[in-house]
């Protein structure tokens, strides 16, 4: 299904400008922190969309790359001076490590198909989780550890702006990536891998590239997440992180990039408000059940995700208009 539906760059710039101005016109520290979390998980969800939406790969081990970034940044800021230089250097190191690991894991696992691949990625991710739990001299295990963030980021607004800039850069980078000839091959692999192979493409190579790009971007999200909390433990490597990325991608719209951002906003806002209601009303103590209901309703009313459903409606309406024009032309020809 081809569609020219695309969010206008002008609209995006207006939204980004509004978000950039928001912390200066609002005194709500809670909203600043919440939006920062949404931006971070939007980056993670977009990285997962490269796998699921554009390559057709379902991974249950995406959290390991998120965790690599988080631990690399946390450890370096804990061991060395908490300066901006160390912070950006730690992000770069985390992305390099994630890129190397995703390359090696991709070579080993991407030869497998469907659920076999998904299960193996889950097993590999579990190995990194066990390593983080046992290597207590470095990671402090399940207890985790706190660390100092750069002085500039003690002001939450400055960190908010940095994460927003990262989100925008990642979005435009990934949009350019999926629009490139390489991205078109990834979409072909998603649609029909065997046919793509028959055309002479080495599909394994392209899937490994997608895995590396997704791993690097996920590592960036992990680094930002660790600094936002000033704390890290083994929770950054658990299955919950991968499931969050998966749900954000599905709810927002698979294969859209902008969809995972919307999905991240929906899920983070739902978790925030439902957990808040649980503190005030006993009926919401099992808030995760209500969250599950929200997810079910989203899947029922938006089977292609929020953005995917809008895109499909746009495509359907356009094709309907075209068919009406063609039918009108045929009627005129017959009348003549």
C-alpha atoms as a PDB file:
ATOM      1  CA  UNK A   1       0.000   0.000   0.000  1.00  0.00           C
ATOM      2  CA  UNK A   2       1.560   3.212  -1.138  1.00  0.00           C
ATOM      3  CA  UNK A   3       0.618   6.527   0.376  1.00  0.00           C
ATOM      4  CA  UNK A   4       1.943  10.021   0.214  1.00  0.00           C
ATOM      5  CA  UNK A   5       0.584  10.792   3.664  1.00  0.00           C
ATOM      6  CA  UNK A   6       3.362  12.479   5.589  1.00  0.00           C
ATOM      7  CA  UNK A   7       3.585  14.971   8.401  1.00  0.00           C
ATOM      8  CA  UNK A   8       4.543  18.334   6.955  1.00  0.00           C
ATOM      9  CA  UNK A   9       7.957  19.637   8.030  1.00  0.00           C
ATOM     10  CA  UNK A  10       6.397  22.996   8.845  1.00  0.00           C
ATOM     11  CA  UNK A  11       3.952  21.361  11.249  1.00  0.00           C
ATOM     12  CA  UNK A  12       6.799  19.466  12.881  1.00  0.00           C
ATOM     13  CA  UNK A  13       8.842  22.628  13.335  1.00  0.00           C
ATOM     14  CA  UNK A  14       5.884  24.408  14.935  1.00  0.00           C
ATOM     15  CA  UNK A  15       5.383  21.493  17.338  1.00  0.00           C
ATOM     16  CA  UNK A  16       9.085  21.405  18.204  1.00  0.00           C
ATOM     17  CA  UNK A  17       9.111  25.181  18.787  1.00  0.00           C
ATOM     18  CA  UNK A  18       6.074  24.880  21.057  1.00  0.00           C
ATOM     19  CA  UNK A  19       7.706  22.085  23.040  1.00  0.00           C
ATOM     20  CA  UNK A  20      10.945  24.076  23.315  1.00  0.00           C
ATOM     21  CA  UNK A  21       9.082  27.078  24.722  1.00  0.00           C
ATOM     22  CA  UNK A  22       6.847  25.037  27.046  1.00  0.00           C
ATOM     23  CA  UNK A  23       9.144  24.827  30.134  1.00  0.00           C
ATOM     24  CA  UNK A  24       9.679  28.602  30.027  1.00  0.00           C
ATOM     25  CA  UNK A  25       5.952  29.409  30.053  1.00  0.00           C
ATOM     26  CA  UNK A  26       4.928  26.648  32.466  1.00  0.00           C
ATOM     27  CA  UNK A  27       5.927  26.390  36.102  1.00  0.00           C
ATOM     28  CA  UNK A  28       5.068  22.686  36.263  1.00  0.00           C
ATOM     29  CA  UNK A  29       8.206  20.730  37.117  1.00  0.00           C
ATOM     30  CA  UNK A  30       6.159  17.521  36.920  1.00  0.00           C
ATOM     31  CA  UNK A  31       5.236  18.132  33.279  1.00  0.00           C
ATOM     32  CA  UNK A  32       8.811  18.991  32.381  1.00  0.00           C
ATOM     33  CA  UNK A  33      10.039  15.685  33.818  1.00  0.00           C
ATOM     34  CA  UNK A  34       7.157  13.734  32.261  1.00  0.00           C
ATOM     35  CA  UNK A  35       7.753  15.186  28.799  1.00  0.00           C
ATOM     36  CA  UNK A  36      11.456  14.430  29.153  1.00  0.00           C
ATOM     37  CA  UNK A  37      10.586  10.769  29.809  1.00  0.00           C
ATOM     38  CA  UNK A  38       8.251  10.748  26.813  1.00  0.00           C
ATOM     39  CA  UNK A  39      11.026  12.107  24.561  1.00  0.00           C
ATOM     40  CA  UNK A  40      13.474   9.466  25.802  1.00  0.00           C
ATOM     41  CA  UNK A  41      11.081   6.573  25.246  1.00  0.00           C
ATOM     42  CA  UNK A  42      10.136   8.045  21.876  1.00  0.00           C
ATOM     43  CA  UNK A  43      13.755   7.603  20.814  1.00  0.00           C
ATOM     44  CA  UNK A  44      13.700   4.022  22.084  1.00  0.00           C
ATOM     45  CA  UNK A  45      10.398   3.285  20.310  1.00  0.00           C
ATOM     46  CA  UNK A  46      11.659   4.733  17.019  1.00  0.00           C
ATOM     47  CA  UNK A  47      14.714   2.491  17.238  1.00  0.00           C
ATOM     48  CA  UNK A  48      12.413  -0.509  17.697  1.00  0.00           C
ATOM     49  CA  UNK A  49      10.297   0.631  14.747  1.00  0.00           C
ATOM     50  CA  UNK A  50      13.350   0.272  12.500  1.00  0.00           C
ATOM     51  CA  UNK A  51      13.324  -3.429  13.360  1.00  0.00           C
ATOM     52  CA  UNK A  52       9.612  -4.182  13.533  1.00  0.00           C
ATOM     53  CA  UNK A  53       8.119  -1.596  11.204  1.00  0.00           C
ATOM     54  CA  UNK A  54      10.679  -1.335   8.435  1.00  0.00           C
ATOM     55  CA  UNK A  55      12.470  -4.702   8.481  1.00  0.00           C
ATOM     56  CA  UNK A  56       9.818  -7.016   9.899  1.00  0.00           C
ATOM     57  CA  UNK A  57      12.032  -8.213  12.765  1.00  0.00           C
ATOM     58  CA  UNK A  58      10.450  -8.968  16.144  1.00  0.00           C
ATOM     59  CA  UNK A  59      13.110  -8.726  18.845  1.00  0.00           C
ATOM     60  CA  UNK A  60      12.592  -9.538  22.525  1.00  0.00           C
ATOM     61  CA  UNK A  61      16.120  -8.455  23.446  1.00  0.00           C
ATOM     62  CA  UNK A  62      16.103  -4.765  22.525  1.00  0.00           C
ATOM     63  CA  UNK A  63      16.466  -3.784  26.188  1.00  0.00           C
ATOM     64  CA  UNK A  64      20.093  -4.943  26.228  1.00  0.00           C
ATOM     65  CA  UNK A  65      21.135  -2.033  23.985  1.00  0.00           C
ATOM     66  CA  UNK A  66      19.115   0.405  26.090  1.00  0.00           C
ATOM     67  CA  UNK A  67      20.843  -0.991  29.174  1.00  0.00           C
ATOM     68  CA  UNK A  68      24.299  -0.767  27.598  1.00  0.00           C
ATOM     69  CA  UNK A  69      23.871   2.951  27.059  1.00  0.00           C
ATOM     70  CA  UNK A  70      22.477   3.470  30.557  1.00  0.00           C
ATOM     71  CA  UNK A  71      25.244   1.553  32.312  1.00  0.00           C
ATOM     72  CA  UNK A  72      28.055   3.015  30.201  1.00  0.00           C
ATOM     73  CA  UNK A  73      27.030   6.588  30.949  1.00  0.00           C
ATOM     74  CA  UNK A  74      26.274   5.904  34.621  1.00  0.00           C
ATOM     75  CA  UNK A  75      29.579   4.100  35.236  1.00  0.00           C
ATOM     76  CA  UNK A  76      31.689   6.738  33.496  1.00  0.00           C
ATOM     77  CA  UNK A  77      29.981   9.632  35.285  1.00  0.00           C
ATOM     78  CA  UNK A  78      30.432   7.729  38.560  1.00  0.00           C
ATOM     79  CA  UNK A  79      34.105   6.864  38.031  1.00  0.00           C
ATOM     80  CA  UNK A  80      35.227  10.123  36.445  1.00  0.00           C
ATOM     81  CA  UNK A  81      34.403  13.796  36.715  1.00  0.00           C
ATOM     82  CA  UNK A  82      30.725  14.516  36.038  1.00  0.00           C
ATOM     83  CA  UNK A  83      31.411  17.010  33.265  1.00  0.00           C
ATOM     84  CA  UNK A  84      29.763  17.610  29.908  1.00  0.00           C
ATOM     85  CA  UNK A  85      32.814  16.202  28.137  1.00  0.00           C
ATOM     86  CA  UNK A  86      32.623  12.912  30.040  1.00  0.00           C
ATOM     87  CA  UNK A  87      28.851  12.816  29.515  1.00  0.00           C
ATOM     88  CA  UNK A  88      29.029  13.136  25.714  1.00  0.00           C
ATOM     89  CA  UNK A  89      32.043  10.821  25.567  1.00  0.00           C
ATOM     90  CA  UNK A  90      30.120   8.190  27.570  1.00  0.00           C
ATOM     91  CA  UNK A  91      27.218   8.435  25.128  1.00  0.00           C
ATOM     92  CA  UNK A  92      29.611   7.879  22.222  1.00  0.00           C
ATOM     93  CA  UNK A  93      31.259   4.897  23.951  1.00  0.00           C
ATOM     94  CA  UNK A  94      27.865   3.398  24.762  1.00  0.00           C
ATOM     95  CA  UNK A  95      26.755   3.746  21.137  1.00  0.00           C
ATOM     96  CA  UNK A  96      29.981   2.128  19.897  1.00  0.00           C
ATOM     97  CA  UNK A  97      29.594  -0.799  22.316  1.00  0.00           C
ATOM     98  CA  UNK A  98      25.932  -1.211  21.348  1.00  0.00           C
ATOM     99  CA  UNK A  99      26.863  -1.070  17.660  1.00  0.00           C
ATOM    100  CA  UNK A 100      29.507  -3.785  18.038  1.00  0.00           C
ATOM    101  CA  UNK A 101      27.268  -6.046  20.139  1.00  0.00           C
ATOM    102  CA  UNK A 102      24.272  -5.570  17.819  1.00  0.00           C
ATOM    103  CA  UNK A 103      26.506  -6.410  14.846  1.00  0.00           C
ATOM    104  CA  UNK A 104      27.758  -9.627  16.468  1.00  0.00           C
ATOM    105  CA  UNK A 105      24.341 -10.635  17.788  1.00  0.00           C
ATOM    106  CA  UNK A 106      22.801  -9.846  14.412  1.00  0.00           C
ATOM    107  CA  UNK A 107      25.250 -12.083  12.568  1.00  0.00           C
ATOM    108  CA  UNK A 108      24.515 -14.930  14.991  1.00  0.00           C
ATOM    109  CA  UNK A 109      20.740 -14.616  15.231  1.00  0.00           C
ATOM    110  CA  UNK A 110      19.330 -13.006  12.083  1.00  0.00           C
ATOM    111  CA  UNK A 111      19.783 -16.199  10.093  1.00  0.00           C
ATOM    112  CA  UNK A 112      16.868 -17.586  12.095  1.00  0.00           C
ATOM    113  CA  UNK A 113      13.244 -16.876  11.252  1.00  0.00           C
ATOM    114  CA  UNK A 114      10.250 -15.478  13.156  1.00  0.00           C
ATOM    115  CA  UNK A 115       9.841 -16.827  16.715  1.00  0.00           C
ATOM    116  CA  UNK A 116      13.194 -18.655  16.679  1.00  0.00           C
ATOM    117  CA  UNK A 117      14.967 -15.323  16.265  1.00  0.00           C
ATOM    118  CA  UNK A 118      12.765 -13.629  18.886  1.00  0.00           C
ATOM    119  CA  UNK A 119      13.483 -16.338  21.471  1.00  0.00           C
ATOM    120  CA  UNK A 120      17.221 -16.240  20.831  1.00  0.00           C
ATOM    121  CA  UNK A 121      17.349 -12.455  21.266  1.00  0.00           C
ATOM    122  CA  UNK A 122      15.510 -12.903  24.559  1.00  0.00           C
ATOM    123  CA  UNK A 123      18.130 -15.440  25.660  1.00  0.00           C
ATOM    124  CA  UNK A 124      21.039 -13.182  24.703  1.00  0.00           C
ATOM    125  CA  UNK A 125      19.436 -10.265  26.526  1.00  0.00           C
ATOM    126  CA  UNK A 126      19.021 -12.504  29.559  1.00  0.00           C
ATOM    127  CA  UNK A 127      22.763 -13.199  29.540  1.00  0.00           C
ATOM    128  CA  UNK A 128      23.505  -9.477  29.792  1.00  0.00           C
ATOM    129  CA  UNK A 129      20.952  -9.150  32.600  1.00  0.00           C
ATOM    130  CA  UNK A 130      22.633 -11.956  34.558  1.00  0.00           C
ATOM    131  CA  UNK A 131      26.047 -10.385  33.894  1.00  0.00           C
ATOM    132  CA  UNK A 132      24.835  -7.053  35.303  1.00  0.00           C
ATOM    133  CA  UNK A 133      23.390  -8.795  38.364  1.00  0.00           C
ATOM    134  CA  UNK A 134      26.551 -10.775  39.120  1.00  0.00           C
ATOM    135  CA  UNK A 135      29.207  -8.169  38.323  1.00  0.00           C
ATOM    136  CA  UNK A 136      28.462  -6.244  41.504  1.00  0.00           C
ATOM    137  CA  UNK A 137      31.862  -4.533  41.735  1.00  0.00           C
ATOM    138  CA  UNK A 138      30.945  -2.585  38.602  1.00  0.00           C
ATOM    139  CA  UNK A 139      27.147  -2.506  38.473  1.00  0.00           C
ATOM    140  CA  UNK A 140      26.165  -3.009  42.161  1.00  0.00           C
ATOM    141  CA  UNK A 141      23.696  -5.660  40.979  1.00  0.00           C
ATOM    142  CA  UNK A 142      19.977  -5.223  41.610  1.00  0.00           C
ATOM    143  CA  UNK A 143      20.665  -2.487  44.170  1.00  0.00           C
ATOM    144  CA  UNK A 144      22.062  -0.201  41.506  1.00  0.00           C
ATOM    145  CA  UNK A 145      23.849   3.039  42.277  1.00  0.00           C
ATOM    146  CA  UNK A 146      23.377   6.773  42.089  1.00  0.00           C
ATOM    147  CA  UNK A 147      25.776   9.113  40.337  1.00  0.00           C
ATOM    148  CA  UNK A 148      26.276  12.803  39.737  1.00  0.00           C
ATOM    149  CA  UNK A 149      25.050  14.393  36.528  1.00  0.00           C
ATOM    150  CA  UNK A 150      26.862  17.322  34.873  1.00  0.00           C
ATOM    151  CA  UNK A 151      26.285  20.606  36.667  1.00  0.00           C
ATOM    152  CA  UNK A 152      24.379  22.026  33.685  1.00  0.00           C
ATOM    153  CA  UNK A 153      21.716  19.312  33.962  1.00  0.00           C
ATOM    154  CA  UNK A 154      20.844  20.103  37.544  1.00  0.00           C
ATOM    155  CA  UNK A 155      18.511  22.528  35.840  1.00  0.00           C
ATOM    156  CA  UNK A 156      15.825  20.175  34.508  1.00  0.00           C
ATOM    157  CA  UNK A 157      14.936  22.614  31.739  1.00  0.00           C
ATOM    158  CA  UNK A 158      18.401  22.358  30.195  1.00  0.00           C
ATOM    159  CA  UNK A 159      18.249  18.577  30.201  1.00  0.00           C
ATOM    160  CA  UNK A 160      14.725  18.755  28.766  1.00  0.00           C
ATOM    161  CA  UNK A 161      16.004  20.856  25.861  1.00  0.00           C
ATOM    162  CA  UNK A 162      18.933  18.499  25.252  1.00  0.00           C
ATOM    163  CA  UNK A 163      16.620  15.463  25.074  1.00  0.00           C
ATOM    164  CA  UNK A 164      14.248  17.337  22.756  1.00  0.00           C
ATOM    165  CA  UNK A 165      17.156  18.167  20.432  1.00  0.00           C
ATOM    166  CA  UNK A 166      18.227  14.503  20.464  1.00  0.00           C
ATOM    167  CA  UNK A 167      14.673  13.430  19.621  1.00  0.00           C
ATOM    168  CA  UNK A 168      14.462  15.781  16.660  1.00  0.00           C
ATOM    169  CA  UNK A 169      17.890  14.781  15.325  1.00  0.00           C
ATOM    170  CA  UNK A 170      17.131  11.066  15.692  1.00  0.00           C
ATOM    171  CA  UNK A 171      13.755  11.463  13.969  1.00  0.00           C
ATOM    172  CA  UNK A 172      15.182  13.238  10.922  1.00  0.00           C
ATOM    173  CA  UNK A 173      18.160  10.863  10.772  1.00  0.00           C
ATOM    174  CA  UNK A 174      15.924   7.784  10.842  1.00  0.00           C
ATOM    175  CA  UNK A 175      13.497   9.323   8.363  1.00  0.00           C
ATOM    176  CA  UNK A 176      16.368   9.904   5.969  1.00  0.00           C
ATOM    177  CA  UNK A 177      17.612   6.364   6.657  1.00  0.00           C
ATOM    178  CA  UNK A 178      14.298   4.666   5.805  1.00  0.00           C
ATOM    179  CA  UNK A 179      13.798   6.899   2.751  1.00  0.00           C
ATOM    180  CA  UNK A 180      17.206   5.974   1.324  1.00  0.00           C
ATOM    181  CA  UNK A 181      17.741   3.124  -1.158  1.00  0.00           C
ATOM    182  CA  UNK A 182      18.955   1.008   1.772  1.00  0.00           C
ATOM    183  CA  UNK A 183      15.717   1.712   3.611  1.00  0.00           C
ATOM    184  CA  UNK A 184      13.709   0.692   0.544  1.00  0.00           C
ATOM    185  CA  UNK A 185      15.493  -2.649   0.519  1.00  0.00           C
ATOM    186  CA  UNK A 186      14.627  -3.120   4.208  1.00  0.00           C
ATOM    187  CA  UNK A 187      10.957  -2.542   3.370  1.00  0.00           C
ATOM    188  CA  UNK A 188      11.261  -5.085   0.556  1.00  0.00           C
ATOM    189  CA  UNK A 189      12.734  -7.567   3.033  1.00  0.00           C
ATOM    190  CA  UNK A 190       9.784  -6.963   5.340  1.00  0.00           C
ATOM    191  CA  UNK A 191       7.261  -7.524   2.551  1.00  0.00           C
ATOM    192  CA  UNK A 192       8.882 -10.550   0.889  1.00  0.00           C
ATOM    193  CA  UNK A 193      12.372 -11.624   1.903  1.00  0.00           C
ATOM    194  CA  UNK A 194      12.566 -14.547  -0.544  1.00  0.00           C
ATOM    195  CA  UNK A 195      11.700 -12.369  -3.515  1.00  0.00           C
ATOM    196  CA  UNK A 196      14.224  -9.762  -2.394  1.00  0.00           C
ATOM    197  CA  UNK A 197      16.863 -12.494  -2.272  1.00  0.00           C
ATOM    198  CA  UNK A 198      15.926 -13.617  -5.766  1.00  0.00           C
ATOM    199  CA  UNK A 199      16.633 -10.076  -7.001  1.00  0.00           C
ATOM    200  CA  UNK A 200      20.237 -10.479  -5.848  1.00  0.00           C
ATOM    201  CA  UNK A 201      20.176  -8.674  -2.497  1.00  0.00           C
ATOM    202  CA  UNK A 202      22.017 -10.226   0.439  1.00  0.00           C
ATOM    203  CA  UNK A 203      19.176  -9.719   2.884  1.00  0.00           C
ATOM    204  CA  UNK A 204      21.204 -10.781   5.934  1.00  0.00           C
ATOM    205  CA  UNK A 205      23.566  -7.853   5.413  1.00  0.00           C
ATOM    206  CA  UNK A 206      20.682  -5.390   5.277  1.00  0.00           C
ATOM    207  CA  UNK A 207      19.035  -6.837   8.380  1.00  0.00           C
ATOM    208  CA  UNK A 208      22.318  -6.600  10.274  1.00  0.00           C
ATOM    209  CA  UNK A 209      22.620  -2.927   9.269  1.00  0.00           C
ATOM    210  CA  UNK A 210      19.090  -2.301  10.546  1.00  0.00           C
ATOM    211  CA  UNK A 211      19.965  -4.090  13.795  1.00  0.00           C
ATOM    212  CA  UNK A 212      23.099  -1.969  14.272  1.00  0.00           C
ATOM    213  CA  UNK A 213      21.247   1.303  13.638  1.00  0.00           C
ATOM    214  CA  UNK A 214      18.456   0.289  16.022  1.00  0.00           C
ATOM    215  CA  UNK A 215      20.958  -0.759  18.693  1.00  0.00           C
ATOM    216  CA  UNK A 216      22.917   2.498  18.491  1.00  0.00           C
ATOM    217  CA  UNK A 217      19.774   4.637  18.778  1.00  0.00           C
ATOM    218  CA  UNK A 218      18.483   2.518  21.690  1.00  0.00           C
ATOM    219  CA  UNK A 219      21.819   3.046  23.459  1.00  0.00           C
ATOM    220  CA  UNK A 220      21.402   6.819  23.154  1.00  0.00           C
ATOM    221  CA  UNK A 221      17.964   6.543  24.762  1.00  0.00           C
ATOM    222  CA  UNK A 222      19.448   4.474  27.590  1.00  0.00           C
ATOM    223  CA  UNK A 223      22.167   7.044  28.289  1.00  0.00           C
ATOM    224  CA  UNK A 224      19.617   9.863  28.474  1.00  0.00           C
ATOM    225  CA  UNK A 225      17.332   7.760  30.678  1.00  0.00           C
ATOM    226  CA  UNK A 226      20.095   7.063  33.208  1.00  0.00           C
ATOM    227  CA  UNK A 227      20.986  10.756  33.485  1.00  0.00           C
ATOM    228  CA  UNK A 228      17.324  11.722  33.842  1.00  0.00           C
ATOM    229  CA  UNK A 229      17.079   9.494  36.945  1.00  0.00           C
ATOM    230  CA  UNK A 230      20.662   9.942  38.230  1.00  0.00           C
ATOM    231  CA  UNK A 231      20.355   6.275  39.076  1.00  0.00           C
ATOM    232  CA  UNK A 232      20.727   2.940  37.287  1.00  0.00           C
ATOM    233  CA  UNK A 233      20.086  -0.697  38.161  1.00  0.00           C
ATOM    234  CA  UNK A 234      19.338  -3.929  36.339  1.00  0.00           C
ATOM    235  CA  UNK A 235      15.772  -2.821  35.532  1.00  0.00           C
ATOM    236  CA  UNK A 236      17.145  -1.131  32.390  1.00  0.00           C
ATOM    237  CA  UNK A 237      17.941  -4.595  30.998  1.00  0.00           C
ATOM    238  CA  UNK A 238      14.643  -6.304  31.785  1.00  0.00           C
ATOM    239  CA  UNK A 239      11.960  -7.515  29.400  1.00  0.00           C
ATOM    240  CA  UNK A 240       9.694  -4.665  30.547  1.00  0.00           C
ATOM    241  CA  UNK A 241      11.757  -2.147  28.573  1.00  0.00           C
ATOM    242  CA  UNK A 242      11.438  -4.173  25.383  1.00  0.00           C
ATOM    243  CA  UNK A 243       7.694  -4.639  25.900  1.00  0.00           C
ATOM    244  CA  UNK A 244       7.263  -0.894  26.436  1.00  0.00           C
ATOM    245  CA  UNK A 245       9.039  -0.203  23.136  1.00  0.00           C
ATOM    246  CA  UNK A 246       6.915  -2.850  21.401  1.00  0.00           C
ATOM    247  CA  UNK A 247       3.627  -1.454  22.751  1.00  0.00           C
ATOM    248  CA  UNK A 248       4.582   2.120  21.917  1.00  0.00           C
ATOM    249  CA  UNK A 249       5.370   1.113  18.352  1.00  0.00           C
ATOM    250  CA  UNK A 250       2.158  -0.887  17.878  1.00  0.00           C
ATOM    251  CA  UNK A 251      -0.156   1.692  19.467  1.00  0.00           C
ATOM    252  CA  UNK A 252       1.414   4.604  17.594  1.00  0.00           C
ATOM    253  CA  UNK A 253       1.666   2.865  14.236  1.00  0.00           C
ATOM    254  CA  UNK A 254       4.188   0.354  12.947  1.00  0.00           C
ATOM    255  CA  UNK A 255       6.440   1.598  10.156  1.00  0.00           C
ATOM    256  CA  UNK A 256       5.663   5.304  10.576  1.00  0.00           C
ATOM    257  CA  UNK A 257       8.403   6.754  12.885  1.00  0.00           C
ATOM    258  CA  UNK A 258       6.063   9.509  14.050  1.00  0.00           C
ATOM    259  CA  UNK A 259       3.734   6.802  15.392  1.00  0.00           C
ATOM    260  CA  UNK A 260       6.147   5.518  18.058  1.00  0.00           C
ATOM    261  CA  UNK A 261       6.482   9.084  19.362  1.00  0.00           C
ATOM    262  CA  UNK A 262       2.711   9.318  19.766  1.00  0.00           C
ATOM    263  CA  UNK A 263       2.633   5.814  21.230  1.00  0.00           C
ATOM    264  CA  UNK A 264       5.279   6.773  23.789  1.00  0.00           C
ATOM    265  CA  UNK A 265       3.187   9.778  24.780  1.00  0.00           C
ATOM    266  CA  UNK A 266       0.018   7.698  25.159  1.00  0.00           C
ATOM    267  CA  UNK A 267       1.653   4.997  27.274  1.00  0.00           C
ATOM    268  CA  UNK A 268       3.700   7.312  29.491  1.00  0.00           C
ATOM    269  CA  UNK A 269       0.696   9.583  30.144  1.00  0.00           C
ATOM    270  CA  UNK A 270      -1.542   6.582  30.845  1.00  0.00           C
ATOM    271  CA  UNK A 271       0.987   5.127  33.298  1.00  0.00           C
ATOM    272  CA  UNK A 272       1.448   8.502  34.992  1.00  0.00           C
ATOM    273  CA  UNK A 273      -2.244   9.221  35.502  1.00  0.00           C
ATOM    274  CA  UNK A 274      -3.291   5.679  36.394  1.00  0.00           C
ATOM    275  CA  UNK A 275      -0.487   5.297  38.958  1.00  0.00           C
ATOM    276  CA  UNK A 276      -1.483   8.696  40.361  1.00  0.00           C
ATOM    277  CA  UNK A 277      -5.127   7.622  40.648  1.00  0.00           C
ATOM    278  CA  UNK A 278      -4.012   4.455  42.450  1.00  0.00           C
ATOM    279  CA  UNK A 279      -2.674   6.609  45.283  1.00  0.00           C
ATOM    280  CA  UNK A 280      -5.990   8.462  45.650  1.00  0.00           C
ATOM    281  CA  UNK A 281      -8.611   5.802  44.925  1.00  0.00           C
ATOM    282  CA  UNK A 282      -8.389   2.156  46.071  1.00  0.00           C
ATOM    283  CA  UNK A 283     -10.236   0.991  42.969  1.00  0.00           C
ATOM    284  CA  UNK A 284      -7.207   1.945  40.865  1.00  0.00           C
ATOM    285  CA  UNK A 285      -4.684   0.024  42.998  1.00  0.00           C
ATOM    286  CA  UNK A 286      -4.487  -2.595  40.242  1.00  0.00           C
ATOM    287  CA  UNK A 287      -3.927   0.157  37.695  1.00  0.00           C
ATOM    288  CA  UNK A 288      -2.060  -2.183  35.369  1.00  0.00           C
ATOM    289  CA  UNK A 289      -5.435  -3.847  34.617  1.00  0.00           C
ATOM    290  CA  UNK A 290      -6.879  -0.526  33.463  1.00  0.00           C
ATOM    291  CA  UNK A 291      -3.758   0.048  31.418  1.00  0.00           C
ATOM    292  CA  UNK A 292      -4.374  -3.301  29.733  1.00  0.00           C
ATOM    293  CA  UNK A 293      -7.941  -2.213  28.928  1.00  0.00           C
ATOM    294  CA  UNK A 294      -6.615   0.980  27.330  1.00  0.00           C
ATOM    295  CA  UNK A 295      -4.253  -1.098  25.203  1.00  0.00           C
ATOM    296  CA  UNK A 296      -7.079  -3.437  24.117  1.00  0.00           C
ATOM    297  CA  UNK A 297      -9.296  -0.487  23.158  1.00  0.00           C
ATOM    298  CA  UNK A 298      -6.437   1.096  21.209  1.00  0.00           C
ATOM    299  CA  UNK A 299      -5.916  -2.114  19.225  1.00  0.00           C
ATOM    300  CA  UNK A 300      -9.677  -2.452  18.539  1.00  0.00           C
ATOM    301  CA  UNK A 301     -10.275   1.109  17.379  1.00  0.00           C
ATOM    302  CA  UNK A 302      -6.838   1.651  15.816  1.00  0.00           C
ATOM    303  CA  UNK A 303      -5.864  -1.767  14.375  1.00  0.00           C
ATOM    304  CA  UNK A 304      -3.024  -0.200  12.383  1.00  0.00           C
ATOM    305  CA  UNK A 305      -1.977   2.058  15.237  1.00  0.00           C
ATOM    306  CA  UNK A 306      -2.988   5.689  15.600  1.00  0.00           C
ATOM    307  CA  UNK A 307      -0.872   7.061  12.763  1.00  0.00           C
ATOM    308  CA  UNK A 308      -1.282   3.920  10.660  1.00  0.00           C
ATOM    309  CA  UNK A 309      -5.084   4.174  10.854  1.00  0.00           C
ATOM    310  CA  UNK A 310      -5.011   7.841   9.855  1.00  0.00           C
ATOM    311  CA  UNK A 311      -2.636   7.026   7.004  1.00  0.00           C
ATOM    312  CA  UNK A 312      -4.916   4.228   5.783  1.00  0.00           C
ATOM    313  CA  UNK A 313      -7.979   6.522   5.919  1.00  0.00           C
ATOM    314  CA  UNK A 314      -6.058   9.138   3.919  1.00  0.00           C
ATOM    315  CA  UNK A 315      -5.009   6.535   1.326  1.00  0.00           C
ATOM    316  CA  UNK A 316      -8.532   5.084   1.088  1.00  0.00           C
ATOM    317  CA  UNK A 317     -10.136   8.490   0.631  1.00  0.00           C
ATOM    318  CA  UNK A 318      -7.620   9.475  -2.029  1.00  0.00           C
ATOM    319  CA  UNK A 319      -8.185   6.255  -3.968  1.00  0.00           C
ATOM    320  CA  UNK A 320     -11.933   6.730  -3.677  1.00  0.00           C
ATOM    321  CA  UNK A 321     -11.640  10.230  -5.146  1.00  0.00           C
ATOM    322  CA  UNK A 322      -9.514   8.878  -7.994  1.00  0.00           C
ATOM    323  CA  UNK A 323     -12.012   6.085  -8.724  1.00  0.00           C
ATOM    324  CA  UNK A 324     -14.871   8.600  -8.785  1.00  0.00           C
ATOM    325  CA  UNK A 325     -13.003  10.730 -11.322  1.00  0.00           C
ATOM    326  CA  UNK A 326     -12.245   7.672 -13.489  1.00  0.00           C
ATOM    327  CA  UNK A 327     -15.839   6.470 -13.336  1.00  0.00           C
ATOM    328  CA  UNK A 328     -17.114   9.930 -14.240  1.00  0.00           C
ATOM    329  CA  UNK A 329     -14.783  10.018 -17.235  1.00  0.00           C
ATOM    330  CA  UNK A 330     -16.051   6.620 -18.410  1.00  0.00           C
ATOM    331  CA  UNK A 331     -19.681   7.760 -18.102  1.00  0.00           C
ATOM    332  CA  UNK A 332     -18.908  10.823 -20.233  1.00  0.00           C
ATOM    333  CA  UNK A 333     -17.225   8.677 -22.872  1.00  0.00           C
ATOM    334  CA  UNK A 334     -20.206   6.324 -23.031  1.00  0.00           C
ATOM    335  CA  UNK A 335     -22.605   9.278 -23.263  1.00  0.00           C
ATOM    336  CA  UNK A 336     -20.697  10.586 -26.271  1.00  0.00           C
END
